[in-house]
Amino acid sequence: MNRVTKEIAIALKEIGYDVPCDAYYFEGGNDTPNIHPKKVDYNKATSVMSEILGDLISAPTVYEAIEWLDSKGVYVCVEIAVDGWRAVVFENQGVDLDVIDILGALPTRLAAYTSGLPIAINHIKNKKV
């Protein structure tokens, strides 16, 4: 499974990501997610190891993160183009769509989704300020 990076996981936690998943990072640990057989909202969980390695951070897959962003009205859509994959990040404004950014010439569909994540997250962060 393609997990979000630790940096993206932290940013998702900051904007309220709250979906149970089966992997987590330790805030003070390495950049490799820990896999667990049970889905938990790790952003609200604690561990005995938290005292040493810091808070737990949910580590969703890229697609789980995209679905959560969809539920917040910010979308990362991908399409194939002549020069590779393209990501279009937009917000649903009722009848209108507000295009936030377009990223092109990406080698894979996963790369397009992954490159759109920080833009969508920053858009939500900036709206909360």
C-alpha atoms as a PDB file:
ATOM      1  CA  MET A   1       0.000   0.000   0.000  1.00  0.00           C
ATOM      2  CA  ASN A   2       1.174   3.491  -0.754  1.00  0.00           C
ATOM      3  CA  ARG A   3       1.160   5.436   2.514  1.00  0.00           C
ATOM      4  CA  VAL A   4       1.389   9.189   2.772  1.00  0.00           C
ATOM      5  CA  THR A   5       4.765  10.450   3.933  1.00  0.00           C
ATOM      6  CA  LYS A   6       5.273  11.346   7.564  1.00  0.00           C
ATOM      7  CA  GLU A   7       5.309  15.041   6.597  1.00  0.00           C
ATOM      8  CA  ILE A   8       1.908  14.729   4.883  1.00  0.00           C
ATOM      9  CA  ALA A   9       0.550  12.661   7.804  1.00  0.00           C
ATOM     10  CA  ILE A  10       1.505  15.443  10.233  1.00  0.00           C
ATOM     11  CA  ALA A  11      -0.137  18.065   7.993  1.00  0.00           C
ATOM     12  CA  LEU A  12      -3.307  15.945   7.779  1.00  0.00           C
ATOM     13  CA  LYS A  13      -3.383  15.656  11.578  1.00  0.00           C
ATOM     14  CA  GLU A  14      -3.074  19.440  11.855  1.00  0.00           C
ATOM     15  CA  ILE A  15      -6.179  19.974   9.711  1.00  0.00           C
ATOM     16  CA  GLY A  16      -8.244  17.372  11.561  1.00  0.00           C
ATOM     17  CA  TYR A  17      -7.766  14.035   9.799  1.00  0.00           C
ATOM     18  CA  ASP A  18      -9.748  11.604  11.948  1.00  0.00           C
ATOM     19  CA  VAL A  19     -10.329   8.431   9.946  1.00  0.00           C
ATOM     20  CA  PRO A  20      -9.243   5.141  11.538  1.00  0.00           C
ATOM     21  CA  CYS A  21      -6.415   3.471   9.624  1.00  0.00           C
ATOM     22  CA  ASP A  22      -4.083   0.541  10.117  1.00  0.00           C
ATOM     23  CA  ALA A  23      -0.742   2.349  10.217  1.00  0.00           C
ATOM     24  CA  TYR A  24       0.915   5.130  12.166  1.00  0.00           C
ATOM     25  CA  TYR A  25       4.112   7.097  12.618  1.00  0.00           C
ATOM     26  CA  PHE A  26       5.688   8.193  15.895  1.00  0.00           C
ATOM     27  CA  GLU A  27       6.236  11.957  15.888  1.00  0.00           C
ATOM     28  CA  GLY A  28       9.820  11.517  17.098  1.00  0.00           C
ATOM     29  CA  GLY A  29      10.435   8.234  15.309  1.00  0.00           C
ATOM     30  CA  ASN A  30      11.715   7.368  11.858  1.00  0.00           C
ATOM     31  CA  ASP A  31       9.877   7.887   8.568  1.00  0.00           C
ATOM     32  CA  THR A  32       8.710   4.278   8.249  1.00  0.00           C
ATOM     33  CA  PRO A  33       5.055   3.683   9.142  1.00  0.00           C
ATOM     34  CA  ASN A  34       4.186   1.018  11.696  1.00  0.00           C
ATOM     35  CA  ILE A  35       1.477  -1.356  10.509  1.00  0.00           C
ATOM     36  CA  HIS A  36      -1.170  -2.595  12.933  1.00  0.00           C
ATOM     37  CA  PRO A  37      -3.887  -5.210  12.265  1.00  0.00           C
ATOM     38  CA  LYS A  38      -6.612  -3.004  13.767  1.00  0.00           C
ATOM     39  CA  LYS A  39      -7.875   0.275  12.303  1.00  0.00           C
ATOM     40  CA  VAL A  40      -7.609   3.088  14.867  1.00  0.00           C
ATOM     41  CA  ASP A  41      -7.667   6.890  14.794  1.00  0.00           C
ATOM     42  CA  TYR A  42      -4.021   7.136  15.834  1.00  0.00           C
ATOM     43  CA  ASN A  43      -4.213  10.931  15.875  1.00  0.00           C
ATOM     44  CA  LYS A  44      -6.245  10.542  19.092  1.00  0.00           C
ATOM     45  CA  ALA A  45      -4.531   7.415  20.464  1.00  0.00           C
ATOM     46  CA  THR A  46      -1.646   7.092  22.886  1.00  0.00           C
ATOM     47  CA  SER A  47       1.014   4.452  23.367  1.00  0.00           C
ATOM     48  CA  VAL A  48       3.471   3.447  26.048  1.00  0.00           C
ATOM     49  CA  MET A  49       6.153   4.397  23.517  1.00  0.00           C
ATOM     50  CA  SER A  50       4.687   7.916  23.146  1.00  0.00           C
ATOM     51  CA  GLU A  51       6.724   9.068  26.142  1.00  0.00           C
ATOM     52  CA  ILE A  52       9.911   8.209  24.246  1.00  0.00           C
ATOM     53  CA  LEU A  53       9.006   8.752  20.590  1.00  0.00           C
ATOM     54  CA  GLY A  54       6.260  11.390  20.784  1.00  0.00           C
ATOM     55  CA  ASP A  55       2.644  11.383  19.691  1.00  0.00           C
ATOM     56  CA  LEU A  56       1.179   8.864  17.280  1.00  0.00           C
ATOM     57  CA  ILE A  57       0.238  10.122  13.816  1.00  0.00           C
ATOM     58  CA  SER A  58      -2.203   8.287  11.554  1.00  0.00           C
ATOM     59  CA  ALA A  59      -0.548   7.080   8.337  1.00  0.00           C
ATOM     60  CA  PRO A  60      -3.349   6.622   5.793  1.00  0.00           C
ATOM     61  CA  THR A  61      -2.838   5.436   2.262  1.00  0.00           C
ATOM     62  CA  VAL A  62      -2.728   8.125  -0.402  1.00  0.00           C
ATOM     63  CA  TYR A  63      -6.217   7.094  -1.516  1.00  0.00           C
ATOM     64  CA  GLU A  64      -7.635   7.213   2.042  1.00  0.00           C
ATOM     65  CA  ALA A  65      -6.266  10.756   2.375  1.00  0.00           C
ATOM     66  CA  ILE A  66      -7.782  11.726  -1.000  1.00  0.00           C
ATOM     67  CA  GLU A  67     -11.190  10.386   0.085  1.00  0.00           C
ATOM     68  CA  TRP A  68     -11.032  12.389   3.315  1.00  0.00           C
ATOM     69  CA  LEU A  69     -10.134  15.567   1.412  1.00  0.00           C
ATOM     70  CA  ASP A  70     -13.124  14.876  -0.870  1.00  0.00           C
ATOM     71  CA  SER A  71     -15.357  14.849   2.214  1.00  0.00           C
ATOM     72  CA  LYS A  72     -14.034  18.343   3.042  1.00  0.00           C
ATOM     73  CA  GLY A  73     -14.934  19.657  -0.417  1.00  0.00           C
ATOM     74  CA  VAL A  74     -11.360  19.845  -1.742  1.00  0.00           C
ATOM     75  CA  TYR A  75     -10.603  17.458  -4.573  1.00  0.00           C
ATOM     76  CA  VAL A  76      -7.475  16.087  -6.203  1.00  0.00           C
ATOM     77  CA  CYS A  77      -8.469  14.720  -9.589  1.00  0.00           C
ATOM     78  CA  VAL A  78      -6.090  13.119 -12.037  1.00  0.00           C
ATOM     79  CA  GLU A  79      -6.209  12.690 -15.780  1.00  0.00           C
ATOM     80  CA  ILE A  80      -3.908  11.384 -18.453  1.00  0.00           C
ATOM     81  CA  ALA A  81      -2.387  13.992 -20.752  1.00  0.00           C
ATOM     82  CA  VAL A  82      -0.003  13.942 -23.706  1.00  0.00           C
ATOM     83  CA  ASP A  83       3.005  14.602 -21.462  1.00  0.00           C
ATOM     84  CA  GLY A  84       2.041  12.245 -18.604  1.00  0.00           C
ATOM     85  CA  TRP A  85      -0.417  12.422 -15.737  1.00  0.00           C
ATOM     86  CA  ARG A  86      -1.922  15.685 -14.539  1.00  0.00           C
ATOM     87  CA  ALA A  87      -3.397  16.562 -11.127  1.00  0.00           C
ATOM     88  CA  VAL A  88      -6.108  19.192 -10.839  1.00  0.00           C
ATOM     89  CA  VAL A  89      -6.795  20.449  -7.320  1.00  0.00           C
ATOM     90  CA  PHE A  90     -10.095  22.260  -6.890  1.00  0.00           C
ATOM     91  CA  GLU A  91     -12.726  23.225  -4.373  1.00  0.00           C
ATOM     92  CA  ASN A  92     -16.450  22.781  -4.795  1.00  0.00           C
ATOM     93  CA  GLN A  93     -18.132  26.181  -4.349  1.00  0.00           C
ATOM     94  CA  GLY A  94     -21.718  24.986  -4.741  1.00  0.00           C
ATOM     95  CA  VAL A  95     -22.503  25.501  -8.418  1.00  0.00           C
ATOM     96  CA  ASP A  96     -18.978  26.665  -9.278  1.00  0.00           C
ATOM     97  CA  LEU A  97     -15.642  24.886  -9.066  1.00  0.00           C
ATOM     98  CA  ASP A  98     -12.662  26.937  -7.911  1.00  0.00           C
ATOM     99  CA  VAL A  99      -9.466  25.553  -9.471  1.00  0.00           C
ATOM    100  CA  ILE A 100      -6.657  25.870  -6.937  1.00  0.00           C
ATOM    101  CA  ASP A 101      -3.769  24.448  -8.984  1.00  0.00           C
ATOM    102  CA  ILE A 102      -2.915  22.248 -11.965  1.00  0.00           C
ATOM    103  CA  LEU A 103       0.201  20.067 -11.907  1.00  0.00           C
ATOM    104  CA  GLY A 104       1.339  18.326 -15.063  1.00  0.00           C
ATOM    105  CA  ALA A 105       3.869  15.999 -16.649  1.00  0.00           C
ATOM    106  CA  LEU A 106       3.825  13.488 -13.790  1.00  0.00           C
ATOM    107  CA  PRO A 107       5.014   9.932 -14.490  1.00  0.00           C
ATOM    108  CA  THR A 108       2.199   7.961 -12.817  1.00  0.00           C
ATOM    109  CA  ARG A 109      -1.329   8.334 -11.527  1.00  0.00           C
ATOM    110  CA  LEU A 110      -0.051   7.783  -7.971  1.00  0.00           C
ATOM    111  CA  ALA A 111       2.539  10.553  -8.456  1.00  0.00           C
ATOM    112  CA  ALA A 112      -0.239  12.890  -9.602  1.00  0.00           C
ATOM    113  CA  TYR A 113      -2.366  12.148  -6.522  1.00  0.00           C
ATOM    114  CA  THR A 114       0.664  12.425  -4.226  1.00  0.00           C
ATOM    115  CA  SER A 115       1.737  15.779  -5.668  1.00  0.00           C
ATOM    116  CA  GLY A 116      -1.773  17.179  -5.251  1.00  0.00           C
ATOM    117  CA  LEU A 117      -2.028  16.263  -1.553  1.00  0.00           C
ATOM    118  CA  PRO A 118       0.127  19.091  -0.095  1.00  0.00           C
ATOM    119  CA  ILE A 119      -1.664  21.684  -2.221  1.00  0.00           C
ATOM    120  CA  ALA A 120      -5.090  20.500  -1.061  1.00  0.00           C
ATOM    121  CA  ILE A 121      -3.920  20.336   2.571  1.00  0.00           C
ATOM    122  CA  ASN A 122      -2.429  23.838   2.458  1.00  0.00           C
ATOM    123  CA  HIS A 123      -5.653  25.149   0.932  1.00  0.00           C
ATOM    124  CA  ILE A 124      -7.647  23.772   3.877  1.00  0.00           C
ATOM    125  CA  LYS A 125      -5.050  25.111   6.367  1.00  0.00           C
ATOM    126  CA  ASN A 126      -5.214  28.587   4.861  1.00  0.00           C
ATOM    127  CA  LYS A 127      -9.024  28.603   4.999  1.00  0.00           C
ATOM    128  CA  LYS A 128      -8.959  27.872   8.744  1.00  0.00           C
ATOM    129  CA  VAL A 129      -6.739  30.881   9.512  1.00  0.00           C
END
